[in-house]
């Protein structure tokens, strides 16, 4: 009988289920949108029951699409966006809508904590400064604004841990995710009551599930979940991991020689280290490989900006592409590639969903006049996203030497034009991977290790990770982009 592993990825805008064989070959993938609700500016929420229904649906359809039986799946792993808040009551039902990782309602708390010393005190324990979308800040907001919801919380979950709870009925807190939540002392790698006392939410310490590791067996598919997903009751479910870990391990990042860039809604820029980096303001979290840390620079400033522009003004091109049997993104690549960087002076700041500049928190096109068309806007978005990643890269490089290569996954990695632009902007070779769904693959790899098929993640990476191509920078274009990047820096600082 053939054996497969299942990876479930709950991202910022969609849930995906993918099945892989034990060489990493994708057998089937199914996705579904998971809508966000915005009751007021800065508030972004998700119906947790709708989210679970979407997960059950894509799992069932993925198994059907693959044409296999549930008993051929030897393990299930979950991944998802970090941060945000998924609160569950004692009876296992959602307390309220989940709060997404792109929510900014708690910004005033972060500003206050920066001024009164709270941020410094937390940094000593968590090894990163608090941000508005972490559960700590969101729980403080609930305490002050929704006291009844706050009192009803029994479990404080992250996205993928909530889905694992629905699959197994067991409440567990997987360490890579919670290490970036602001609730864990990264010095001893345990939850710390001092953190909750500092913030003024001491009762929430008792609402934390028991910690587990990424490749640990953390329960089995329940009879109830089996009925709605098509998985076999009793199928092992691993701890899984934070999606930034999943993408990195699916790109074969097992040591500190390379930097991984994830180009989704969030600009994720990260590398693996043997110890946390305590200067430079980077985010430190635990990596899925035991004993390793993930050093991260990130913001919600990546390829999601292109999705907005495409939905806004590319309807005609999308229809034409559909008739021709090609993707609209192929046409976009051709439009951008036909316009040399030195012939386009339009700049774009990719801050539609977030910012990484203390001086600016809104997106902007700069330099437009009547001579410009769609190609100029599209190239500006491509460049702006690449510049934002480069901004984070330079901050990472303040604490280490330049990497031998950048492993790149996500939306931009699927575009040869965009991937070449990343190489040209950074001056560093870019390696793209074969995995179309790296988050789901990373989650599936966790179940392959938890099931005992592989001894560890290093062994799993050797067998399940493949590379598509290495893209080398063009030195002449690198000079052009460095000049444009200086203009970009002036623009985000204006």
Protein backbone atom coordinates (compact mmCIF):
# COMPACT_ATOMS: atom_id res chain seq x y z
CA UNK A 1 0.00 0.00 0.00
CA UNK A 2 1.26 3.48 -0.90
CA UNK A 3 1.84 5.90 1.94
CA UNK A 4 1.24 9.64 1.99
CA UNK A 5 1.50 12.59 4.37
CA UNK A 6 -0.98 15.45 4.61
CA UNK A 7 -0.13 19.10 5.15
CA UNK A 8 -2.76 21.69 6.09
CA UNK A 9 -1.84 25.37 5.75
CA UNK A 10 -4.01 28.14 7.20
CA UNK A 11 -2.65 31.36 5.74
CA UNK A 12 -3.81 34.93 5.91
CA UNK A 13 -6.43 34.63 3.16
CA UNK A 14 -6.85 30.92 2.33
CA UNK A 15 -6.63 27.41 3.68
CA UNK A 16 -4.85 24.73 1.66
CA UNK A 17 -4.60 20.98 2.01
CA UNK A 18 -1.94 19.08 0.10
CA UNK A 19 -1.02 15.42 -0.05
CA UNK A 20 2.58 14.34 -0.69
CA UNK A 21 4.33 11.06 -1.12
CA UNK A 22 7.44 10.44 0.97
CA UNK A 23 9.74 11.84 -1.73
CA UNK A 24 7.99 15.22 -1.45
CA UNK A 25 6.06 14.85 -4.70
CA UNK A 26 2.76 16.72 -4.57
CA UNK A 27 -0.12 14.33 -5.23
CA UNK A 28 -3.03 16.75 -4.90
CA UNK A 29 -3.80 20.17 -3.48
CA UNK A 30 -7.10 21.93 -2.78
CA UNK A 31 -7.59 25.42 -1.42
CA UNK A 32 -10.46 27.61 -0.30
CA UNK A 33 -10.68 31.28 0.70
CA UNK A 34 -11.07 32.12 4.38
CA UNK A 35 -12.68 35.54 4.42
CA UNK A 36 -11.71 38.27 6.83
CA UNK A 37 -14.26 40.60 8.39
CA UNK A 38 -13.37 44.19 9.15
CA UNK A 39 -15.97 45.65 11.54
CA UNK A 40 -14.00 48.91 11.69
CA UNK A 41 -10.68 50.26 10.39
CA UNK A 42 -7.74 48.34 11.78
CA UNK A 43 -9.91 45.42 12.93
CA UNK A 44 -9.55 42.14 11.00
CA UNK A 45 -11.37 39.05 12.24
CA UNK A 46 -12.25 35.53 11.15
CA UNK A 47 -15.20 33.28 11.99
CA UNK A 48 -13.57 30.24 13.60
CA UNK A 49 -16.44 27.85 12.82
CA UNK A 50 -16.37 28.90 9.17
CA UNK A 51 -12.59 28.39 9.22
CA UNK A 52 -12.91 24.85 10.56
CA UNK A 53 -15.61 24.04 7.99
CA UNK A 54 -13.28 25.26 5.23
CA UNK A 55 -10.47 23.08 6.59
CA UNK A 56 -12.70 20.00 6.71
CA UNK A 57 -13.91 20.70 3.18
CA UNK A 58 -10.44 21.06 1.60
CA UNK A 59 -9.14 17.96 3.39
CA UNK A 60 -12.05 15.88 2.13
CA UNK A 61 -11.81 17.23 -1.42
CA UNK A 62 -8.02 16.78 -1.49
CA UNK A 63 -8.32 13.11 -0.57
CA UNK A 64 -10.99 12.67 -3.24
CA UNK A 65 -8.90 14.50 -5.83
CA UNK A 66 -5.89 12.30 -5.07
CA UNK A 67 -8.03 9.20 -5.49
CA UNK A 68 -6.66 7.55 -2.37
CA UNK A 69 -8.12 6.12 0.81
CA UNK A 70 -7.81 7.78 4.18
CA UNK A 71 -5.93 4.79 5.59
CA UNK A 72 -3.09 5.42 3.12
CA UNK A 73 -2.27 8.67 4.96
CA UNK A 74 0.29 7.94 7.69
CA UNK A 75 0.25 11.39 9.28
CA UNK A 76 -1.21 14.88 9.28
CA UNK A 77 0.64 18.10 10.04
CA UNK A 78 -0.72 21.63 10.40
CA UNK A 79 0.83 25.01 9.80
CA UNK A 80 -0.56 28.52 9.65
CA UNK A 81 0.02 32.19 10.15
CA UNK A 82 1.50 33.14 13.48
CA UNK A 83 0.31 35.68 15.99
CA UNK A 84 -3.30 36.81 16.05
CA UNK A 85 -5.65 35.27 18.64
CA UNK A 86 -7.93 32.23 18.44
CA UNK A 87 -9.79 32.10 21.80
CA UNK A 88 -11.75 28.97 22.77
CA UNK A 89 -14.16 28.44 25.67
CA UNK A 90 -14.20 25.51 28.11
CA UNK A 91 -16.81 23.67 26.01
CA UNK A 92 -14.54 23.78 22.96
CA UNK A 93 -16.49 26.47 21.10
CA UNK A 94 -15.04 29.79 19.92
CA UNK A 95 -15.36 32.62 22.44
CA UNK A 96 -15.64 35.16 19.62
CA UNK A 97 -14.28 35.65 16.13
CA UNK A 98 -10.53 35.09 15.86
CA UNK A 99 -8.36 38.18 15.49
CA UNK A 100 -6.09 37.96 12.47
CA UNK A 101 -2.35 38.64 12.33
CA UNK A 102 -2.95 41.74 10.18
CA UNK A 103 -5.12 43.35 12.89
CA UNK A 104 -3.85 46.64 14.34
CA UNK A 105 -6.34 47.44 17.11
CA UNK A 106 -3.69 46.98 19.81
CA UNK A 107 -1.22 49.50 18.40
CA UNK A 108 -1.91 52.00 21.24
CA UNK A 109 -0.87 49.33 23.76
CA UNK A 110 2.45 48.80 21.99
CA UNK A 111 3.05 52.55 21.91
CA UNK A 112 2.26 52.84 25.61
CA UNK A 113 4.47 49.87 26.50
CA UNK A 114 7.36 51.41 24.56
CA UNK A 115 7.07 54.57 26.64
CA UNK A 116 6.51 53.11 30.13
CA UNK A 117 9.22 50.43 30.06
CA UNK A 118 6.92 47.44 29.57
CA UNK A 119 8.44 46.70 26.16
CA UNK A 120 11.95 46.62 27.62
CA UNK A 121 10.85 44.30 30.42
CA UNK A 122 9.16 41.92 27.97
CA UNK A 123 12.14 41.95 25.63
CA UNK A 124 14.36 40.63 28.42
CA UNK A 125 12.21 37.50 28.57
CA UNK A 126 10.82 37.00 25.05
CA UNK A 127 13.99 38.20 23.23
CA UNK A 128 11.91 40.36 20.90
CA UNK A 129 9.87 43.50 21.36
CA UNK A 130 6.09 43.13 21.46
CA UNK A 131 4.02 43.91 18.39
CA UNK A 132 0.35 44.74 18.05
CA UNK A 133 -0.79 41.48 16.47
CA UNK A 134 0.62 39.19 19.15
CA UNK A 135 -1.79 37.44 21.54
CA UNK A 136 -0.34 39.35 24.50
CA UNK A 137 -1.37 42.75 23.16
CA UNK A 138 -4.70 41.43 21.87
CA UNK A 139 -5.53 39.84 25.23
CA UNK A 140 -4.81 43.17 26.93
CA UNK A 141 -7.19 44.81 24.47
CA UNK A 142 -9.89 42.21 25.19
CA UNK A 143 -9.44 42.70 28.93
CA UNK A 144 -10.20 46.40 28.55
CA UNK A 145 -12.76 46.35 25.75
CA UNK A 146 -14.55 42.99 25.86
CA UNK A 147 -14.35 41.81 29.49
CA UNK A 148 -17.01 39.12 29.02
CA UNK A 149 -15.11 37.57 26.13
CA UNK A 150 -11.90 37.80 28.12
CA UNK A 151 -13.43 35.97 31.11
CA UNK A 152 -14.84 33.21 28.87
CA UNK A 153 -11.44 32.13 27.49
CA UNK A 154 -10.22 28.66 28.42
CA UNK A 155 -7.64 28.12 25.68
CA UNK A 156 -5.43 30.67 23.93
CA UNK A 157 -4.68 29.17 20.53
CA UNK A 158 -2.71 30.16 17.47
CA UNK A 159 -4.30 29.43 14.08
CA UNK A 160 -2.86 26.02 13.32
CA UNK A 161 -3.12 24.87 16.94
CA UNK A 162 -6.84 25.60 16.85
CA UNK A 163 -7.21 23.45 13.72
CA UNK A 164 -5.22 20.64 15.35
CA UNK A 165 -7.54 20.95 18.37
CA UNK A 166 -10.53 20.50 16.06
CA UNK A 167 -8.88 17.48 14.44
CA UNK A 168 -7.94 15.71 17.67
CA UNK A 169 -9.84 17.28 20.57
CA UNK A 170 -6.51 17.75 22.38
CA UNK A 171 -5.29 21.22 23.38
CA UNK A 172 -1.56 21.63 22.70
CA UNK A 173 0.71 24.62 22.09
CA UNK A 174 3.39 23.91 19.48
CA UNK A 175 6.64 25.63 20.42
CA UNK A 176 7.71 27.32 17.15
CA UNK A 177 4.41 29.20 16.93
CA UNK A 178 4.14 30.15 20.58
CA UNK A 179 7.80 31.21 20.75
CA UNK A 180 6.88 34.11 18.45
CA UNK A 181 3.66 34.93 20.29
CA UNK A 182 5.19 37.04 23.03
CA UNK A 183 4.06 34.54 25.68
CA UNK A 184 7.20 32.41 26.00
CA UNK A 185 10.49 33.02 27.78
CA UNK A 186 12.96 32.16 25.04
CA UNK A 187 15.84 31.87 27.49
CA UNK A 188 14.37 28.74 29.08
CA UNK A 189 11.94 27.96 26.22
CA UNK A 190 8.93 27.77 28.51
CA UNK A 191 5.83 29.83 29.19
CA UNK A 192 6.61 32.40 31.88
CA UNK A 193 4.05 33.80 34.32
CA UNK A 194 6.19 36.93 34.71
CA UNK A 195 5.21 37.95 31.15
CA UNK A 196 1.51 37.83 32.00
CA UNK A 197 2.04 39.66 35.28
CA UNK A 198 3.95 42.46 33.51
CA UNK A 199 1.11 42.97 31.03
CA UNK A 200 -1.59 42.73 33.68
CA UNK A 201 -3.29 39.56 32.37
CA UNK A 202 -2.10 36.97 34.96
CA UNK A 203 -5.19 34.75 34.59
CA UNK A 204 -4.31 34.06 30.95
CA UNK A 205 -1.23 32.08 32.02
CA UNK A 206 -3.61 29.30 33.07
CA UNK A 207 -5.28 29.36 29.63
CA UNK A 208 -2.17 28.15 27.80
CA UNK A 209 -2.20 24.59 26.41
CA UNK A 210 0.66 22.24 27.24
CA UNK A 211 3.72 22.84 25.08
CA UNK A 212 4.72 20.34 22.42
CA UNK A 213 7.44 20.16 19.77
CA UNK A 214 7.05 20.36 16.02
CA UNK A 215 7.63 16.68 15.21
CA UNK A 216 5.90 15.34 18.32
CA UNK A 217 2.81 13.15 18.09
CA UNK A 218 0.13 15.46 19.49
CA UNK A 219 -3.04 13.45 19.12
CA UNK A 220 -4.99 11.43 16.60
CA UNK A 221 -7.87 12.26 14.31
CA UNK A 222 -11.10 11.97 16.32
CA UNK A 223 -14.21 10.13 15.18
CA UNK A 224 -16.01 13.46 14.79
CA UNK A 225 -13.24 14.95 12.64
CA UNK A 226 -12.96 11.77 10.58
CA UNK A 227 -16.62 12.04 9.57
CA UNK A 228 -16.23 15.53 8.08
CA UNK A 229 -12.70 15.28 6.65
CA UNK A 230 -12.46 11.80 5.16
CA UNK A 231 -9.35 11.10 7.23
CA UNK A 232 -9.26 7.79 9.02
CA UNK A 233 -10.07 7.91 12.72
CA UNK A 234 -6.86 7.48 14.70
CA UNK A 235 -4.54 8.96 12.06
CA UNK A 236 -1.52 10.49 13.87
CA UNK A 237 -1.36 14.30 13.98
CA UNK A 238 1.99 16.01 14.59
CA UNK A 239 2.65 19.27 16.37
CA UNK A 240 3.25 21.01 13.05
CA UNK A 241 4.86 24.43 12.95
CA UNK A 242 4.60 28.18 12.41
CA UNK A 243 4.28 28.84 8.67
CA UNK A 244 7.59 30.71 8.50
CA UNK A 245 9.28 27.53 9.77
CA UNK A 246 7.28 25.40 7.34
CA UNK A 247 8.38 27.45 4.35
CA UNK A 248 12.00 27.45 5.48
CA UNK A 249 12.22 23.70 6.07
CA UNK A 250 10.39 23.11 2.75
CA UNK A 251 13.16 25.18 1.15
CA UNK A 252 15.78 22.92 2.72
CA UNK A 253 16.99 25.52 5.23
CA UNK A 254 18.70 23.45 7.92
CA UNK A 255 21.68 25.68 8.76
CA UNK A 256 22.68 29.35 8.80
CA UNK A 257 24.38 29.49 5.40
CA UNK A 258 21.27 30.64 3.54
CA UNK A 259 18.52 33.18 4.10
CA UNK A 260 14.93 32.31 3.30
CA UNK A 261 12.51 34.87 1.86
CA UNK A 262 8.80 34.12 1.95
CA UNK A 263 6.79 36.32 -0.40
CA UNK A 264 3.12 36.20 0.58
CA UNK A 265 0.97 38.77 2.30
CA UNK A 266 3.87 39.06 4.72
CA UNK A 267 7.45 39.79 3.77
CA UNK A 268 9.28 37.13 5.78
CA UNK A 269 13.08 37.24 5.82
CA UNK A 270 14.79 34.71 8.06
CA UNK A 271 17.73 32.48 8.79
CA UNK A 272 18.62 29.71 11.22
CA UNK A 273 21.10 30.27 14.05
CA UNK A 274 22.46 28.35 17.02
CA UNK A 275 21.62 31.21 19.39
CA UNK A 276 19.24 34.17 19.43
CA UNK A 277 20.43 37.55 18.15
CA UNK A 278 20.09 40.03 20.99
CA UNK A 279 21.03 43.23 19.16
CA UNK A 280 19.52 44.71 16.02
CA UNK A 281 15.84 44.43 16.91
CA UNK A 282 15.21 41.15 15.08
CA UNK A 283 12.43 38.76 16.05
CA UNK A 284 13.76 35.61 17.67
CA UNK A 285 11.75 32.40 17.78
CA UNK A 286 12.40 28.68 18.03
CA UNK A 287 13.01 26.76 14.81
CA UNK A 288 11.46 23.38 14.08
CA UNK A 289 14.90 21.75 14.34
CA UNK A 290 15.62 21.26 18.06
CA UNK A 291 18.32 23.55 19.42
CA UNK A 292 18.01 26.04 16.55
CA UNK A 293 16.60 29.56 16.56
CA UNK A 294 14.90 31.40 13.72
CA UNK A 295 16.05 35.00 13.31
CA UNK A 296 13.38 37.00 11.49
CA UNK A 297 12.69 40.39 9.97
CA UNK A 298 9.15 40.75 8.70
CA UNK A 299 6.23 43.00 7.83
CA UNK A 300 2.98 42.71 5.88
CA UNK A 301 4.52 44.32 2.79
CA UNK A 302 5.05 41.59 0.20
CA UNK A 303 3.35 40.00 -2.82
CA UNK A 304 -0.17 40.56 -1.47
CA UNK A 305 0.18 44.10 -2.81
CA UNK A 306 0.14 42.73 -6.35
CA UNK A 307 -3.10 40.84 -5.69
CA UNK A 308 -4.76 44.14 -4.81
CA UNK A 309 -3.58 45.79 -8.03
CA UNK A 310 -4.61 42.81 -10.17
CA UNK A 311 -8.11 42.77 -8.67
CA UNK A 312 -8.39 46.52 -9.11
CA UNK A 313 -7.39 46.98 -12.74
CA UNK A 314 -6.52 43.73 -14.52
CA UNK A 315 -9.99 42.30 -15.15
CA UNK A 316 -9.74 42.71 -18.93
CA UNK A 317 -6.32 41.06 -19.05
CA UNK A 318 -7.52 38.23 -16.82
CA UNK A 319 -10.39 37.52 -19.20
CA UNK A 320 -8.04 37.55 -22.20
CA UNK A 321 -5.60 35.25 -20.42
CA UNK A 322 -8.38 32.82 -19.58
CA UNK A 323 -9.43 32.66 -23.23
CA UNK A 324 -5.85 31.94 -24.23
CA UNK A 325 -5.53 29.27 -21.55
CA UNK A 326 -2.74 31.05 -19.65
CA UNK A 327 -2.43 32.77 -16.30
CA UNK A 328 -2.89 36.52 -16.05
CA UNK A 329 0.38 36.51 -14.12
CA UNK A 330 2.18 35.31 -17.24
CA UNK A 331 0.91 38.42 -19.04
CA UNK A 332 1.96 40.57 -16.08
CA UNK A 333 5.48 39.09 -16.20
CA UNK A 334 5.69 39.94 -19.90
CA UNK A 335 4.49 43.52 -19.28
CA UNK A 336 7.01 44.08 -16.50
CA UNK A 337 9.89 42.43 -18.32
CA UNK A 338 9.31 44.55 -21.44
CA UNK A 339 9.86 47.73 -19.42
CA UNK A 340 13.52 48.15 -18.37
CA UNK A 341 14.05 49.45 -14.81
CA UNK A 342 15.93 52.52 -16.00
CA UNK A 343 12.95 53.54 -18.15
CA UNK A 344 10.42 53.55 -15.32
CA UNK A 345 10.64 56.17 -12.57
CA UNK A 346 7.34 55.33 -10.85
CA UNK A 347 7.86 54.19 -7.25
CA UNK A 348 5.51 52.19 -5.05
CA UNK A 349 5.55 51.85 -1.28
CA UNK A 350 4.00 48.41 -0.54
CA UNK A 351 2.24 49.31 2.70
CA UNK A 352 -1.35 48.30 1.83
CA UNK A 353 -1.44 45.73 4.65
CA UNK A 354 1.28 46.98 6.96
CA UNK A 355 4.45 49.00 7.26
CA UNK A 356 8.10 48.59 8.20
CA UNK A 357 8.87 52.31 8.35
CA UNK A 358 8.36 54.41 11.48
CA UNK A 359 7.67 57.43 9.27
CA UNK A 360 5.01 56.06 6.92
CA UNK A 361 2.10 53.65 7.34
CA UNK A 362 0.27 54.03 4.02
CA UNK A 363 0.90 52.74 0.52
CA UNK A 364 1.64 55.24 -2.24
CA UNK A 365 2.49 55.51 -5.92
CA UNK A 366 4.98 58.31 -6.53
CA UNK A 367 6.03 59.99 -9.75
CA UNK A 368 2.97 59.38 -11.92
CA UNK A 369 2.14 61.48 -14.96
CA UNK A 370 0.02 61.05 -18.09
CA UNK A 371 2.73 59.07 -19.89
CA UNK A 372 2.46 56.14 -17.50
CA UNK A 373 0.37 53.02 -18.03
CA UNK A 374 -0.38 49.71 -16.34
CA UNK A 375 3.09 48.33 -17.03
CA UNK A 376 4.64 51.17 -15.03
CA UNK A 377 2.33 50.51 -12.07
CA UNK A 378 3.00 46.78 -12.21
CA UNK A 379 6.76 47.24 -12.39
CA UNK A 380 6.57 49.71 -9.50
CA UNK A 381 4.77 47.10 -7.37
CA UNK A 382 7.32 44.42 -8.29
CA UNK A 383 10.16 46.76 -7.38
CA UNK A 384 8.53 48.12 -4.22
CA UNK A 385 8.02 44.62 -2.82
CA UNK A 386 11.61 43.64 -3.67
CA UNK A 387 12.87 46.84 -2.01
CA UNK A 388 10.86 46.11 1.12
CA UNK A 389 12.42 42.64 1.37
CA UNK A 390 15.85 44.22 0.76
CA UNK A 391 15.18 46.66 3.60
CA UNK A 392 14.63 43.71 5.95
CA UNK A 393 17.60 41.83 4.52
CA UNK A 394 19.94 44.71 5.29
CA UNK A 395 18.70 44.76 8.88
CA UNK A 396 19.38 41.02 9.17
CA UNK A 397 22.87 41.51 7.71
CA UNK A 398 23.73 43.97 10.48
CA UNK A 399 24.22 40.90 12.70
CA UNK A 400 25.75 38.42 10.23
CA UNK A 401 27.65 38.04 6.97
CA UNK A 402 25.93 37.93 3.59
CA UNK A 403 24.52 34.50 2.73
CA UNK A 404 25.71 32.32 -0.11
CA UNK A 405 22.16 32.32 -1.50
CA UNK A 406 18.58 33.30 -0.83
CA UNK A 407 16.02 30.48 -0.82
CA UNK A 408 12.80 32.03 -2.10
CA UNK A 409 9.24 30.74 -1.83
CA UNK A 410 5.77 32.22 -2.22
CA UNK A 411 4.05 34.25 -4.92
CA UNK A 412 7.10 36.13 -6.21
CA UNK A 413 9.10 32.90 -6.47
CA UNK A 414 6.63 31.59 -9.05
CA UNK A 415 7.50 34.50 -11.34
CA UNK A 416 10.83 34.18 -13.16
CA UNK A 417 10.81 37.94 -13.76
CA UNK A 418 10.19 38.78 -10.12
CA UNK A 419 12.73 36.23 -8.83
CA UNK A 420 15.36 37.70 -11.19
CA UNK A 421 14.50 41.15 -9.84
CA UNK A 422 15.10 39.94 -6.26
CA UNK A 423 18.53 38.65 -7.31
CA UNK A 424 19.32 41.91 -9.11
CA UNK A 425 18.17 44.10 -6.20
CA UNK A 426 20.00 42.14 -3.48
CA UNK A 427 23.06 41.19 -5.51
CA UNK A 428 22.74 37.63 -4.13
CA UNK A 429 21.85 34.45 -6.06
CA UNK A 430 18.23 33.36 -5.59
CA UNK A 431 17.32 29.68 -5.42
CA UNK A 432 13.71 28.69 -6.05
CA UNK A 433 12.24 25.40 -4.89
CA UNK A 434 10.03 22.89 -6.66
CA UNK A 435 7.34 22.89 -3.97
CA UNK A 436 4.32 24.85 -5.13
CA UNK A 437 2.87 24.76 -1.61
CA UNK A 438 5.90 25.03 0.68
CA UNK A 439 3.85 25.71 3.80
CA UNK A 440 1.84 22.54 3.35
CA UNK A 441 4.99 20.58 2.49
CA UNK A 442 6.71 21.74 5.68
CA UNK A 443 3.67 20.70 7.71
CA UNK A 444 3.61 17.32 5.96
CA UNK A 445 7.32 16.88 6.69
CA UNK A 446 6.58 17.27 10.40
CA UNK A 447 4.16 14.34 10.21
CA UNK A 448 6.70 12.27 8.26
CA UNK A 449 9.19 12.77 11.11
CA UNK A 450 6.56 12.28 13.85
CA UNK A 451 5.46 8.99 12.25
CA UNK A 452 9.04 7.71 12.41
CA UNK A 453 9.56 7.52 8.65
CA UNK A 454 12.46 9.99 8.94
CA UNK A 455 14.76 10.28 11.92
CA UNK A 456 14.75 14.07 11.87
CA UNK A 457 14.18 17.14 9.70
CA UNK A 458 17.63 16.94 8.13
CA UNK A 459 16.82 13.48 6.81
CA UNK A 460 13.36 14.58 5.68
CA UNK A 461 14.78 17.60 3.83
CA UNK A 462 17.25 15.45 1.91
CA UNK A 463 14.44 13.28 0.58
CA UNK A 464 11.47 15.65 0.27
CA UNK A 465 12.94 19.02 -0.83
CA UNK A 466 13.74 19.78 -4.47
CA UNK A 467 15.19 22.88 -6.15
CA UNK A 468 14.04 24.38 -9.42
CA UNK A 469 16.80 26.79 -10.41
CA UNK A 470 19.47 29.20 -9.23
CA UNK A 471 19.09 32.76 -10.54
CA UNK A 472 22.23 34.90 -10.57
CA UNK A 473 22.19 38.70 -10.24
CA UNK A 474 22.88 40.98 -13.18
CA UNK A 475 25.64 43.33 -11.99
CA UNK A 476 24.58 46.22 -14.25
CA UNK A 477 20.98 46.07 -13.08
CA UNK A 478 22.15 45.78 -9.48
CA UNK A 479 23.70 49.24 -9.81
CA UNK A 480 20.48 50.63 -11.30
CA UNK A 481 18.38 49.11 -8.52
CA UNK A 482 20.68 50.41 -5.78
CA UNK A 483 20.10 53.96 -7.10
CA UNK A 484 16.34 53.35 -7.14
CA UNK A 485 16.50 51.83 -3.65
CA UNK A 486 18.03 55.05 -2.30
CA UNK A 487 15.03 56.91 -3.72
CA UNK A 488 12.74 54.31 -2.11
CA UNK A 489 14.37 54.90 1.28
CA UNK A 490 13.82 58.65 0.96
CA UNK A 491 10.20 58.01 0.02
CA UNK A 492 9.39 55.76 3.00
CA UNK A 493 11.09 58.24 5.28
CA UNK A 494 9.23 61.25 3.97
